[in-house]
């Protein structure tokens, strides 16, 4: 089974913010594949289903971003899953808005949610899909916790759909082919 985590912050205050790009991409996958997310004992909403012939569990941590690793690691341990079966989708200020970057493994970069996952799991040896939200013109916190400008909302929805496409490609074709298709 694959475990697909979308990162974000819980609550209406953060809904549709740039920092919740991972949640929004995960929602696209859940809707496409009819996977219902329910509360778990691991501080996450999760649900199982099939994508491209692979059994998957979609995970949306209900902790704040900086503690995403608690939920993700708890579920991985419960299922005795290998870290290579984890795919994480999250926002990234270090790549331009509207672009994706798929990596087979790596560091957390500047992302606190990824730092948390790597800290809890002890390794960055898992695929990830970085969803480009662009660098802020000014205040970093205001940028990531802000909503997309009206003129960018439709493009953002297309970006979340492409992130879901990229995740499906990883599942069906592997990381290398997904990188060739989606890394701009």
Protein backbone atom coordinates (compact mmCIF):
# COMPACT_ATOMS: atom_id res chain seq x y z
CA UNK A 1 0.00 0.00 0.00
CA UNK A 2 1.10 3.56 -0.74
CA UNK A 3 0.59 6.37 1.75
CA UNK A 4 -0.08 9.79 0.21
CA UNK A 5 0.08 12.77 2.55
CA UNK A 6 -1.08 16.25 1.64
CA UNK A 7 0.24 18.94 3.97
CA UNK A 8 -1.55 22.00 5.29
CA UNK A 9 -3.01 23.62 8.38
CA UNK A 10 -6.37 22.58 9.86
CA UNK A 11 -9.33 24.89 10.32
CA UNK A 12 -11.39 27.36 8.33
CA UNK A 13 -8.90 30.17 8.99
CA UNK A 14 -6.36 28.39 6.74
CA UNK A 15 -8.74 26.94 4.14
CA UNK A 16 -7.66 27.79 0.58
CA UNK A 17 -4.39 29.41 1.68
CA UNK A 18 -1.19 28.86 -0.28
CA UNK A 19 0.21 26.81 2.63
CA UNK A 20 -2.67 24.34 2.18
CA UNK A 21 -1.75 23.45 -1.41
CA UNK A 22 -0.99 19.88 -0.29
CA UNK A 23 -4.46 19.54 1.26
CA UNK A 24 -6.05 20.86 -1.91
CA UNK A 25 -4.14 18.44 -4.17
CA UNK A 26 -5.08 15.57 -1.83
CA UNK A 27 -8.74 16.65 -2.06
CA UNK A 28 -8.53 16.35 -5.86
CA UNK A 29 -7.25 12.76 -5.52
CA UNK A 30 -9.94 11.88 -2.97
CA UNK A 31 -12.71 13.24 -5.17
CA UNK A 32 -11.41 11.62 -8.37
CA UNK A 33 -11.14 8.19 -6.78
CA UNK A 34 -14.10 8.30 -4.40
CA UNK A 35 -11.94 8.04 -1.28
CA UNK A 36 -13.63 9.33 1.88
CA UNK A 37 -11.38 10.75 4.59
CA UNK A 38 -12.35 10.07 8.21
CA UNK A 39 -10.83 11.02 11.56
CA UNK A 40 -8.24 8.57 12.89
CA UNK A 41 -6.48 8.09 16.22
CA UNK A 42 -3.31 9.45 14.57
CA UNK A 43 -4.30 13.14 14.43
CA UNK A 44 -5.19 12.84 10.77
CA UNK A 45 -8.09 12.34 8.44
CA UNK A 46 -7.37 9.32 6.29
CA UNK A 47 -9.06 7.01 3.84
CA UNK A 48 -8.18 3.96 1.77
CA UNK A 49 -8.92 3.24 -1.85
CA UNK A 50 -7.41 2.30 -5.19
CA UNK A 51 -5.52 4.51 -7.63
CA UNK A 52 -4.11 3.06 -10.84
CA UNK A 53 -4.35 -0.49 -9.53
CA UNK A 54 -2.47 0.39 -6.34
CA UNK A 55 -3.99 0.32 -2.87
CA UNK A 56 -3.50 3.73 -1.24
CA UNK A 57 -4.18 5.58 1.96
CA UNK A 58 -4.71 9.31 1.67
CA UNK A 59 -3.57 11.24 4.76
CA UNK A 60 -4.43 14.79 5.80
CA UNK A 61 -2.77 15.59 9.16
CA UNK A 62 -4.99 17.52 11.56
CA UNK A 63 -1.98 18.87 13.43
CA UNK A 64 -0.54 22.20 12.39
CA UNK A 65 1.99 22.11 9.56
CA UNK A 66 5.01 22.23 11.86
CA UNK A 67 3.95 18.92 13.44
CA UNK A 68 2.84 17.04 10.31
CA UNK A 69 5.34 14.28 11.00
CA UNK A 70 3.49 13.15 14.10
CA UNK A 71 0.45 11.97 12.12
CA UNK A 72 2.35 10.68 9.09
CA UNK A 73 4.87 8.70 11.15
CA UNK A 74 2.14 7.31 13.41
CA UNK A 75 0.23 5.89 10.45
CA UNK A 76 3.39 4.51 8.80
CA UNK A 77 4.36 2.76 12.04
CA UNK A 78 0.88 1.35 12.58
CA UNK A 79 0.92 -0.22 9.11
CA UNK A 80 4.60 -1.19 9.40
CA UNK A 81 5.13 0.60 6.07
CA UNK A 82 8.41 1.24 4.34
CA UNK A 83 9.25 4.93 3.97
CA UNK A 84 9.65 4.46 0.21
CA UNK A 85 5.85 3.86 0.08
CA UNK A 86 5.17 7.42 1.26
CA UNK A 87 4.44 10.28 -1.17
CA UNK A 88 4.12 13.81 0.24
CA UNK A 89 2.51 16.78 -1.54
CA UNK A 90 3.20 20.27 -0.21
CA UNK A 91 3.53 23.96 -1.07
CA UNK A 92 6.94 25.37 -1.92
CA UNK A 93 7.97 29.04 -2.07
CA UNK A 94 11.30 28.16 -3.65
CA UNK A 95 9.79 27.30 -7.03
CA UNK A 96 7.65 29.58 -9.23
CA UNK A 97 3.89 29.67 -8.88
CA UNK A 98 2.23 27.18 -11.19
CA UNK A 99 5.12 24.71 -11.39
CA UNK A 100 5.69 21.27 -9.88
CA UNK A 101 8.88 19.52 -8.84
CA UNK A 102 8.93 15.81 -8.13
CA UNK A 103 11.86 14.48 -6.13
CA UNK A 104 12.60 10.86 -5.30
CA UNK A 105 14.12 11.86 -1.96
CA UNK A 106 15.92 14.76 -0.36
CA UNK A 107 16.02 17.32 2.40
CA UNK A 108 13.24 19.44 3.83
CA UNK A 109 14.56 22.62 2.25
CA UNK A 110 12.81 25.57 3.87
CA UNK A 111 9.56 23.71 4.58
CA UNK A 112 8.67 23.15 8.24
CA UNK A 113 6.12 20.42 7.50
CA UNK A 114 8.76 18.42 5.67
CA UNK A 115 11.24 19.07 8.48
CA UNK A 116 8.72 17.55 10.86
CA UNK A 117 8.18 14.45 8.72
CA UNK A 118 11.91 13.90 8.26
CA UNK A 119 12.49 14.44 11.98
CA UNK A 120 9.83 11.90 12.96
CA UNK A 121 10.72 9.29 10.32
CA UNK A 122 14.49 9.80 10.56
CA UNK A 123 14.96 10.07 6.80
CA UNK A 124 14.07 12.02 3.67
CA UNK A 125 14.12 8.87 1.52
CA UNK A 126 10.61 9.17 0.11
CA UNK A 127 9.11 10.79 -3.00
CA UNK A 128 7.57 14.23 -2.79
CA UNK A 129 5.65 16.60 -5.02
CA UNK A 130 6.52 20.24 -4.46
CA UNK A 131 3.73 22.60 -5.50
CA UNK A 132 5.10 25.99 -6.52
CA UNK A 133 3.42 28.95 -4.82
CA UNK A 134 6.18 31.43 -5.66
CA UNK A 135 8.35 33.69 -3.54
CA UNK A 136 6.68 36.47 -1.59
CA UNK A 137 7.21 40.09 -2.52
CA UNK A 138 7.29 41.00 1.16
CA UNK A 139 6.17 39.18 4.29
CA UNK A 140 6.80 35.42 4.09
CA UNK A 141 4.19 34.44 6.70
CA UNK A 142 1.57 36.67 5.13
CA UNK A 143 2.33 35.12 1.75
CA UNK A 144 2.08 31.44 2.71
CA UNK A 145 -0.91 31.96 5.01
CA UNK A 146 -2.65 34.21 2.48
CA UNK A 147 -5.12 33.13 -0.16
CA UNK A 148 -4.39 33.15 -3.87
CA UNK A 149 -5.22 36.42 -5.59
CA UNK A 150 -8.53 36.35 -7.46
CA UNK A 151 -6.79 36.30 -10.86
CA UNK A 152 -4.69 33.26 -9.83
CA UNK A 153 -7.40 31.09 -8.26
CA UNK A 154 -8.33 29.23 -11.44
CA UNK A 155 -4.66 28.63 -12.24
CA UNK A 156 -4.15 27.38 -8.66
CA UNK A 157 -6.98 24.85 -9.10
CA UNK A 158 -5.33 23.62 -12.29
CA UNK A 159 -2.04 23.34 -10.40
CA UNK A 160 -3.65 21.16 -7.70
CA UNK A 161 -5.13 18.93 -10.42
CA UNK A 162 -1.68 18.58 -12.05
CA UNK A 163 -0.19 17.68 -8.66
CA UNK A 164 -2.83 14.95 -8.38
CA UNK A 165 -1.94 13.84 -11.94
CA UNK A 166 1.73 13.72 -10.91
CA UNK A 167 0.91 11.57 -7.90
CA UNK A 168 -1.07 9.17 -10.08
CA UNK A 169 1.88 9.04 -12.47
CA UNK A 170 4.26 8.11 -9.64
CA UNK A 171 1.92 5.28 -8.66
CA UNK A 172 1.47 3.90 -12.17
CA UNK A 173 4.77 4.70 -13.91
CA UNK A 174 7.33 5.36 -11.20
CA UNK A 175 9.14 8.47 -10.03
CA UNK A 176 11.51 8.84 -13.00
CA UNK A 177 8.75 8.87 -15.62
CA UNK A 178 6.64 11.21 -13.48
CA UNK A 179 9.62 13.57 -13.20
CA UNK A 180 10.07 13.55 -16.97
CA UNK A 181 6.40 14.45 -17.44
CA UNK A 182 5.83 17.00 -14.70
CA UNK A 183 9.09 18.70 -13.72
CA UNK A 184 9.14 21.95 -15.68
